[in-house]
Protein backbone atom coordinates (compact mmCIF):
# COMPACT_ATOMS: atom_id res chain seq x y z
CA MET A 1 104.59 56.55 18.02
CA ARG A 2 105.99 53.58 16.17
CA ARG A 3 105.57 50.27 18.01
CA LYS A 4 108.77 48.51 19.05
CA ILE A 5 107.92 45.14 17.53
CA PRO A 6 109.63 43.07 14.85
CA SER A 7 108.07 42.33 11.49
CA THR A 8 105.30 39.76 11.19
CA ALA A 9 107.44 37.90 8.64
CA ALA A 10 110.24 37.51 11.20
CA LEU A 11 107.82 36.28 13.86
CA LEU A 12 106.24 33.76 11.47
CA ALA A 13 109.66 32.47 10.42
CA PHE A 14 110.74 32.15 14.05
CA GLU A 15 107.55 30.39 15.14
CA ALA A 16 107.80 27.87 12.33
CA ALA A 17 111.52 27.22 12.93
CA ALA A 18 110.94 26.88 16.67
CA ARG A 19 108.08 24.43 16.14
CA GLN A 20 109.88 22.42 13.46
CA GLN A 21 113.30 22.69 15.13
CA SER A 22 114.62 23.19 11.61
CA PHE A 23 115.22 26.14 9.30
CA THR A 24 114.84 23.87 6.29
CA ARG A 25 111.42 22.52 7.27
CA ALA A 26 110.28 26.01 8.29
CA ALA A 27 111.28 27.28 4.85
CA GLU A 28 109.27 24.47 3.18
CA GLU A 29 106.23 25.23 5.33
CA LEU A 30 106.38 28.98 4.54
CA ALA A 31 107.25 28.52 0.87
CA LEU A 32 110.53 30.44 1.35
CA THR A 33 114.15 29.62 0.80
CA GLN A 34 116.21 28.48 3.75
CA SER A 35 118.41 31.58 3.44
CA ALA A 36 115.32 33.81 3.66
CA VAL A 37 114.30 32.11 6.94
CA CYS A 38 117.86 32.50 8.24
CA ARG A 39 117.84 36.21 7.39
CA GLN A 40 114.51 36.76 9.14
CA ILE A 41 115.66 35.02 12.32
CA ALA A 42 119.01 36.80 12.25
CA ALA A 43 117.16 40.11 12.01
CA LEU A 44 114.91 39.09 14.91
CA GLU A 45 117.92 38.13 17.06
CA THR A 46 119.49 41.50 16.28
CA PHE A 47 116.25 43.29 17.15
CA LEU A 48 115.93 41.42 20.48
CA GLY A 49 119.62 41.53 21.30
CA CYS A 50 119.83 37.85 22.20
CA GLU A 51 120.46 34.47 20.58
CA LEU A 52 117.29 32.45 19.90
CA PHE A 53 118.90 29.37 18.33
CA ARG A 54 122.14 27.49 18.82
CA ARG A 55 123.62 26.20 15.57
CA THR A 56 124.85 22.62 15.93
CA GLN A 57 126.23 20.01 13.56
CA ARG A 58 122.77 18.42 13.44
CA GLY A 59 120.93 21.65 12.78
CA VAL A 60 119.48 24.21 15.18
CA LYS A 61 118.21 24.07 18.77
CA LEU A 62 116.35 26.71 20.76
CA THR A 63 118.24 28.47 23.52
CA GLU A 64 116.52 28.96 26.88
CA ALA A 65 115.64 32.52 25.82
CA GLY A 66 114.39 31.21 22.48
CA LEU A 67 112.24 28.56 24.10
CA ALA A 68 110.58 31.09 26.44
CA TYR A 69 110.08 33.58 23.60
CA SER A 70 108.61 30.90 21.32
CA ARG A 71 105.87 30.11 23.82
CA LYS A 72 104.86 33.74 24.00
CA VAL A 73 105.06 34.31 20.22
CA THR A 74 102.99 31.17 19.52
CA ALA A 75 100.28 32.27 21.94
CA GLN A 76 100.13 35.73 20.41
CA LEU A 77 100.05 34.44 16.81
CA ASP A 78 97.31 31.92 17.74
CA GLY A 79 95.26 34.74 19.25
CA LEU A 80 95.78 36.92 16.17
CA GLU A 81 94.68 34.03 13.91
CA ARG A 82 91.54 33.49 15.98
CA ASP A 83 90.71 37.19 15.84
CA CYS A 84 91.16 37.23 12.06
CA LEU A 85 88.96 34.13 11.58
CA ALA A 86 86.29 35.72 13.79
CA MET A 87 86.26 38.85 11.64
CA ARG A 88 85.87 36.71 8.50
CA ARG A 89 82.67 35.01 9.70
CA PRO A 90 79.74 35.02 7.27
CA GLN A 91 77.65 38.17 7.12
CA GLY A 92 74.93 38.14 9.77
CA MET A 93 76.71 35.63 12.00
CA VAL A 94 77.34 36.59 15.62
CA SER A 95 79.98 34.98 17.80
CA LEU A 96 79.75 35.20 21.59
CA GLU A 97 82.64 34.50 23.94
CA LEU A 98 81.30 32.83 27.09
CA ALA A 99 83.27 32.04 30.25
CA VAL A 100 81.86 28.97 32.00
CA VAL A 101 82.37 26.92 35.13
CA PRO A 102 83.62 23.61 33.73
CA THR A 103 81.36 20.87 35.10
CA PHE A 104 78.14 22.86 34.74
CA ALA A 105 79.13 23.58 31.15
CA THR A 106 79.89 19.96 30.22
CA GLN A 107 77.07 18.28 32.16
CA TRP A 108 74.22 20.79 31.94
CA LEU A 109 74.91 23.36 29.19
CA LEU A 110 76.48 21.37 26.36
CA PRO A 111 73.68 18.76 26.10
CA ARG A 112 71.23 21.65 25.58
CA LEU A 113 73.17 23.61 22.96
CA THR A 114 71.65 21.76 20.05
CA ASP A 115 68.36 23.43 20.94
CA PHE A 116 70.08 26.84 21.08
CA GLY A 117 71.66 26.23 17.67
CA LEU A 118 68.25 25.36 16.15
CA ARG A 119 66.62 28.46 17.63
CA TYR A 120 69.49 30.86 16.89
CA PRO A 121 71.43 29.50 13.89
CA GLN A 122 73.12 32.87 13.32
CA THR A 123 74.77 32.85 16.76
CA SER A 124 77.73 30.70 17.72
CA LEU A 125 78.97 30.24 21.27
CA ASN A 126 82.64 29.87 22.15
CA LEU A 127 83.17 28.45 25.62
CA THR A 128 86.22 28.94 27.81
CA THR A 129 86.47 27.64 31.38
CA ARG A 130 86.90 30.00 34.31
CA THR A 131 86.38 28.90 37.89
CA ARG A 132 86.63 32.31 39.59
CA PRO A 133 85.44 35.87 38.89
CA PHE A 134 87.54 38.15 36.67
CA LEU A 135 87.47 41.62 35.17
CA PHE A 136 85.44 41.68 31.97
CA ALA A 137 87.35 44.77 30.83
CA ALA A 138 90.58 42.77 30.86
CA THR A 139 89.20 39.91 28.71
CA ASP A 140 87.30 39.32 25.47
CA PHE A 141 84.39 37.61 27.22
CA ASP A 142 80.89 38.80 26.43
CA ALA A 143 79.31 36.99 29.40
CA ALA A 144 79.94 34.29 31.98
CA ILE A 145 78.11 31.43 33.64
CA TYR A 146 79.21 31.62 37.24
CA SER A 147 78.62 29.78 40.50
CA GLY A 148 78.39 32.20 43.44
CA ASP A 149 76.26 34.91 44.97
CA GLY A 150 75.68 36.88 41.79
CA ASP A 151 77.36 39.96 43.23
CA TRP A 152 79.70 40.93 40.44
CA PRO A 153 80.33 44.71 40.16
CA GLY A 154 79.48 46.35 36.86
CA THR A 155 77.32 43.46 35.67
CA GLN A 156 73.77 42.16 35.53
CA ALA A 157 73.26 38.74 37.16
CA HIS A 158 70.48 36.48 35.86
CA PHE A 159 69.59 33.59 38.14
CA LEU A 160 69.57 30.13 36.58
CA LEU A 161 69.64 27.38 39.23
CA HIS A 162 70.25 26.87 42.92
CA GLU A 163 73.13 24.66 43.90
CA ALA A 164 72.07 21.86 46.23
CA LEU A 165 74.86 19.50 47.32
CA LEU A 166 74.06 15.89 48.18
CA PRO A 167 76.47 13.26 49.57
CA VAL A 168 77.28 10.59 46.99
CA ALA A 169 79.66 7.66 46.75
CA SER A 170 80.43 4.54 44.76
CA PRO A 171 78.40 1.49 45.90
CA ALA A 172 81.70 -0.36 46.33
CA LEU A 173 82.73 2.11 49.01
CA LEU A 174 79.65 1.30 51.05
CA ALA A 175 80.37 -2.39 51.57
CA GLY A 176 79.79 -3.32 55.18
CA LEU A 177 77.58 -0.34 55.97
CA SER A 178 74.01 -1.09 56.92
CA ALA A 179 71.22 0.70 55.13
CA PRO A 180 69.85 3.26 55.47
CA ILE A 181 73.11 5.15 55.91
CA ASN A 182 73.15 7.89 58.51
CA ALA A 183 75.46 10.85 59.04
CA ALA A 184 77.52 9.05 61.70
CA GLN A 185 78.21 6.18 59.32
CA LEU A 186 79.03 8.56 56.51
CA ALA A 187 81.55 10.33 58.76
CA ARG A 188 83.64 7.15 58.84
CA LEU A 189 84.10 7.22 55.07
CA PRO A 190 86.99 9.05 53.34
CA LEU A 191 85.75 12.55 52.50
CA LEU A 192 86.60 14.19 49.19
CA GLN A 193 86.98 17.95 49.53
CA GLN A 194 86.40 20.64 46.93
CA SER A 195 88.93 23.41 47.01
CA THR A 196 86.43 26.10 45.98
CA ARG A 197 84.03 25.00 48.78
CA PRO A 198 86.47 24.05 51.55
CA HIS A 199 83.91 23.99 54.38
CA ALA A 200 81.11 22.13 52.59
CA TRP A 201 81.41 18.92 54.59
CA ARG A 202 81.60 20.85 57.89
CA GLN A 203 78.43 22.72 56.97
CA TRP A 204 76.68 19.53 55.87
CA PHE A 205 77.53 17.61 59.04
CA ALA A 206 76.51 20.62 61.18
CA ALA A 207 73.12 20.60 59.45
CA GLN A 208 72.75 16.94 60.44
CA GLY A 209 73.66 17.71 64.04
CA VAL A 210 76.93 15.72 63.86
CA ASN A 211 80.34 16.95 64.94
CA VAL A 212 83.14 15.30 62.89
CA ALA A 213 86.72 16.08 63.80
CA GLN A 214 88.08 15.11 60.36
CA ASP A 215 85.47 16.96 58.28
CA LEU A 216 88.09 19.22 56.65
CA HIS A 217 90.49 16.37 55.88
CA GLY A 218 90.75 14.44 52.63
CA PRO A 219 91.99 14.90 49.05
CA ARG A 220 91.23 18.35 47.66
CA LEU A 221 89.98 18.63 44.07
CA GLU A 222 88.96 21.82 42.26
CA LEU A 223 86.15 20.70 39.94
CA PHE A 224 82.90 18.80 40.48
CA SER A 225 83.87 16.61 37.52
CA MET A 226 87.07 15.63 39.34
CA LEU A 227 85.09 14.91 42.52
CA ALA A 228 82.66 12.77 40.57
CA GLN A 229 85.42 10.70 38.97
CA ALA A 230 87.22 10.27 42.27
CA ALA A 231 84.00 9.18 43.91
CA CYS A 232 83.20 6.76 41.08
CA HIS A 233 86.58 5.10 41.65
CA GLY A 234 85.88 4.60 45.32
CA LEU A 235 88.29 7.23 46.65
CA GLY A 236 85.71 8.70 49.01
CA ALA A 237 82.33 10.33 49.44
CA ALA A 238 81.68 13.68 47.78
CA LEU A 239 79.17 16.52 48.00
CA ILE A 240 77.94 17.18 44.44
CA PRO A 241 74.80 18.74 42.91
CA PRO A 242 72.77 15.87 41.40
CA LEU A 243 72.12 17.90 38.23
CA LEU A 244 75.84 17.53 37.41
CA ILE A 245 76.00 13.73 37.83
CA GLN A 246 72.76 12.54 36.21
CA GLN A 247 74.53 9.88 34.09
CA GLU A 248 76.63 8.57 36.98
CA LEU A 249 73.51 8.22 39.14
CA ALA A 250 71.49 6.62 36.32
CA ASP A 251 74.06 3.94 35.54
CA GLY A 252 74.76 3.18 39.21
CA ARG A 253 78.37 4.35 39.39
CA LEU A 254 77.31 6.76 42.13
CA GLN A 255 74.45 6.68 44.55
CA ILE A 256 72.98 9.31 46.85
CA LEU A 257 73.80 8.40 50.45
CA MET A 258 71.25 10.61 52.20
CA ASP A 259 68.47 12.83 50.86
CA ALA A 260 69.74 15.77 52.87
CA PRO A 261 70.85 18.55 50.55
CA LEU A 262 73.16 21.33 51.58
CA THR A 263 71.87 24.58 50.15
CA ASP A 264 73.40 28.02 50.38
CA GLU A 265 71.29 31.07 49.59
CA ASN A 266 74.49 32.83 48.58
CA ARG A 267 75.51 30.27 45.98
CA ALA A 268 73.69 29.54 42.73
CA TYR A 269 74.38 29.44 39.02
CA TYR A 270 74.01 32.81 37.21
CA LEU A 271 74.46 34.22 33.77
CA ILE A 272 76.60 37.33 34.21
CA ILE A 273 76.47 40.06 31.54
CA PRO A 274 78.52 43.27 31.72
CA GLU A 275 76.23 46.31 32.01
CA ARG A 276 77.76 47.86 28.92
CA LYS A 277 76.55 44.85 26.88
CA ALA A 278 73.19 44.35 28.53
CA GLN A 279 71.26 45.44 25.42
CA VAL A 280 73.22 43.38 22.88
CA ALA A 281 70.56 41.39 21.00
CA ALA A 282 72.50 38.12 20.88
CA LEU A 283 73.19 38.25 24.61
CA CYS A 284 69.51 39.03 25.35
CA ALA A 285 68.58 35.96 23.28
CA LEU A 286 71.08 33.82 25.17
CA ARG A 287 69.81 35.13 28.50
CA ASP A 288 66.17 34.35 27.67
CA TRP A 289 67.08 30.89 26.36
CA LEU A 290 69.20 29.99 29.39
CA VAL A 291 66.60 31.19 31.87
CA GLY A 292 63.95 29.23 30.00
CA GLN A 293 66.07 26.07 29.96
CA ALA A 294 66.76 26.37 33.67
CA ARG A 295 63.02 26.65 34.44
CA GLU A 296 62.00 23.80 32.20
CA ARG A 297 64.73 21.24 32.79
CA ALA A 298 66.38 22.01 36.12
């Protein structure tokens, strides 16, 4: 059955004209005449049954429908371009699409990827952030690095590192508090909350035997990197795994308030591989390398 889509030439002409806000500049970019671009866009408008541009004395301007359609067309063309470039990779090269939790990727994974590149020069890793589980069948991801309990249906979970949260804050926030800081003193500080771990402070204070009425109150931030920056700027105390803030601890922007980690047996960092891809050689190499890195440099 023939697909109900316009020609690629019409979509390319529309995308260029929408981006340039000019038929003339779009024609120059595409090495076409202006009349050819006009014909392509007129054919596209006829196909869609709506007006994409308003003609004005100063040129053309996208309509609301045109603006919405341009966003979708641009995203689809970008994806098609990426797919084509991936297919054109040198013979023997393998490209893996990896979903990653953002802060772990930037603070722990990226500094180690030089070693991976030296060991496996024929494999390239493309990283895209995801903070929550998803359906592999609905994406192009080959694997994911995930923070959770490892229970992801239809996949194999390979343990990397436990997540131990420690209370940290900027030294400036601690002015006036006597050392060593205890849980009761810490409870008087502003508390930064993480939206994906909304009860972390309550669990931490409970482990210290302290009941804090305001333990769920405070600014909510999604990522550990956001918590770290907020804490560095003195906005409050935060619960963050030390392995994700090594630089901030080393240069004194943050300090550990109490050596009392909050650990959760149901939360750790895992490499998640769909069962249907469990025997893919490049993924097996990535798995072995990641597990080895976690054991050696946790």
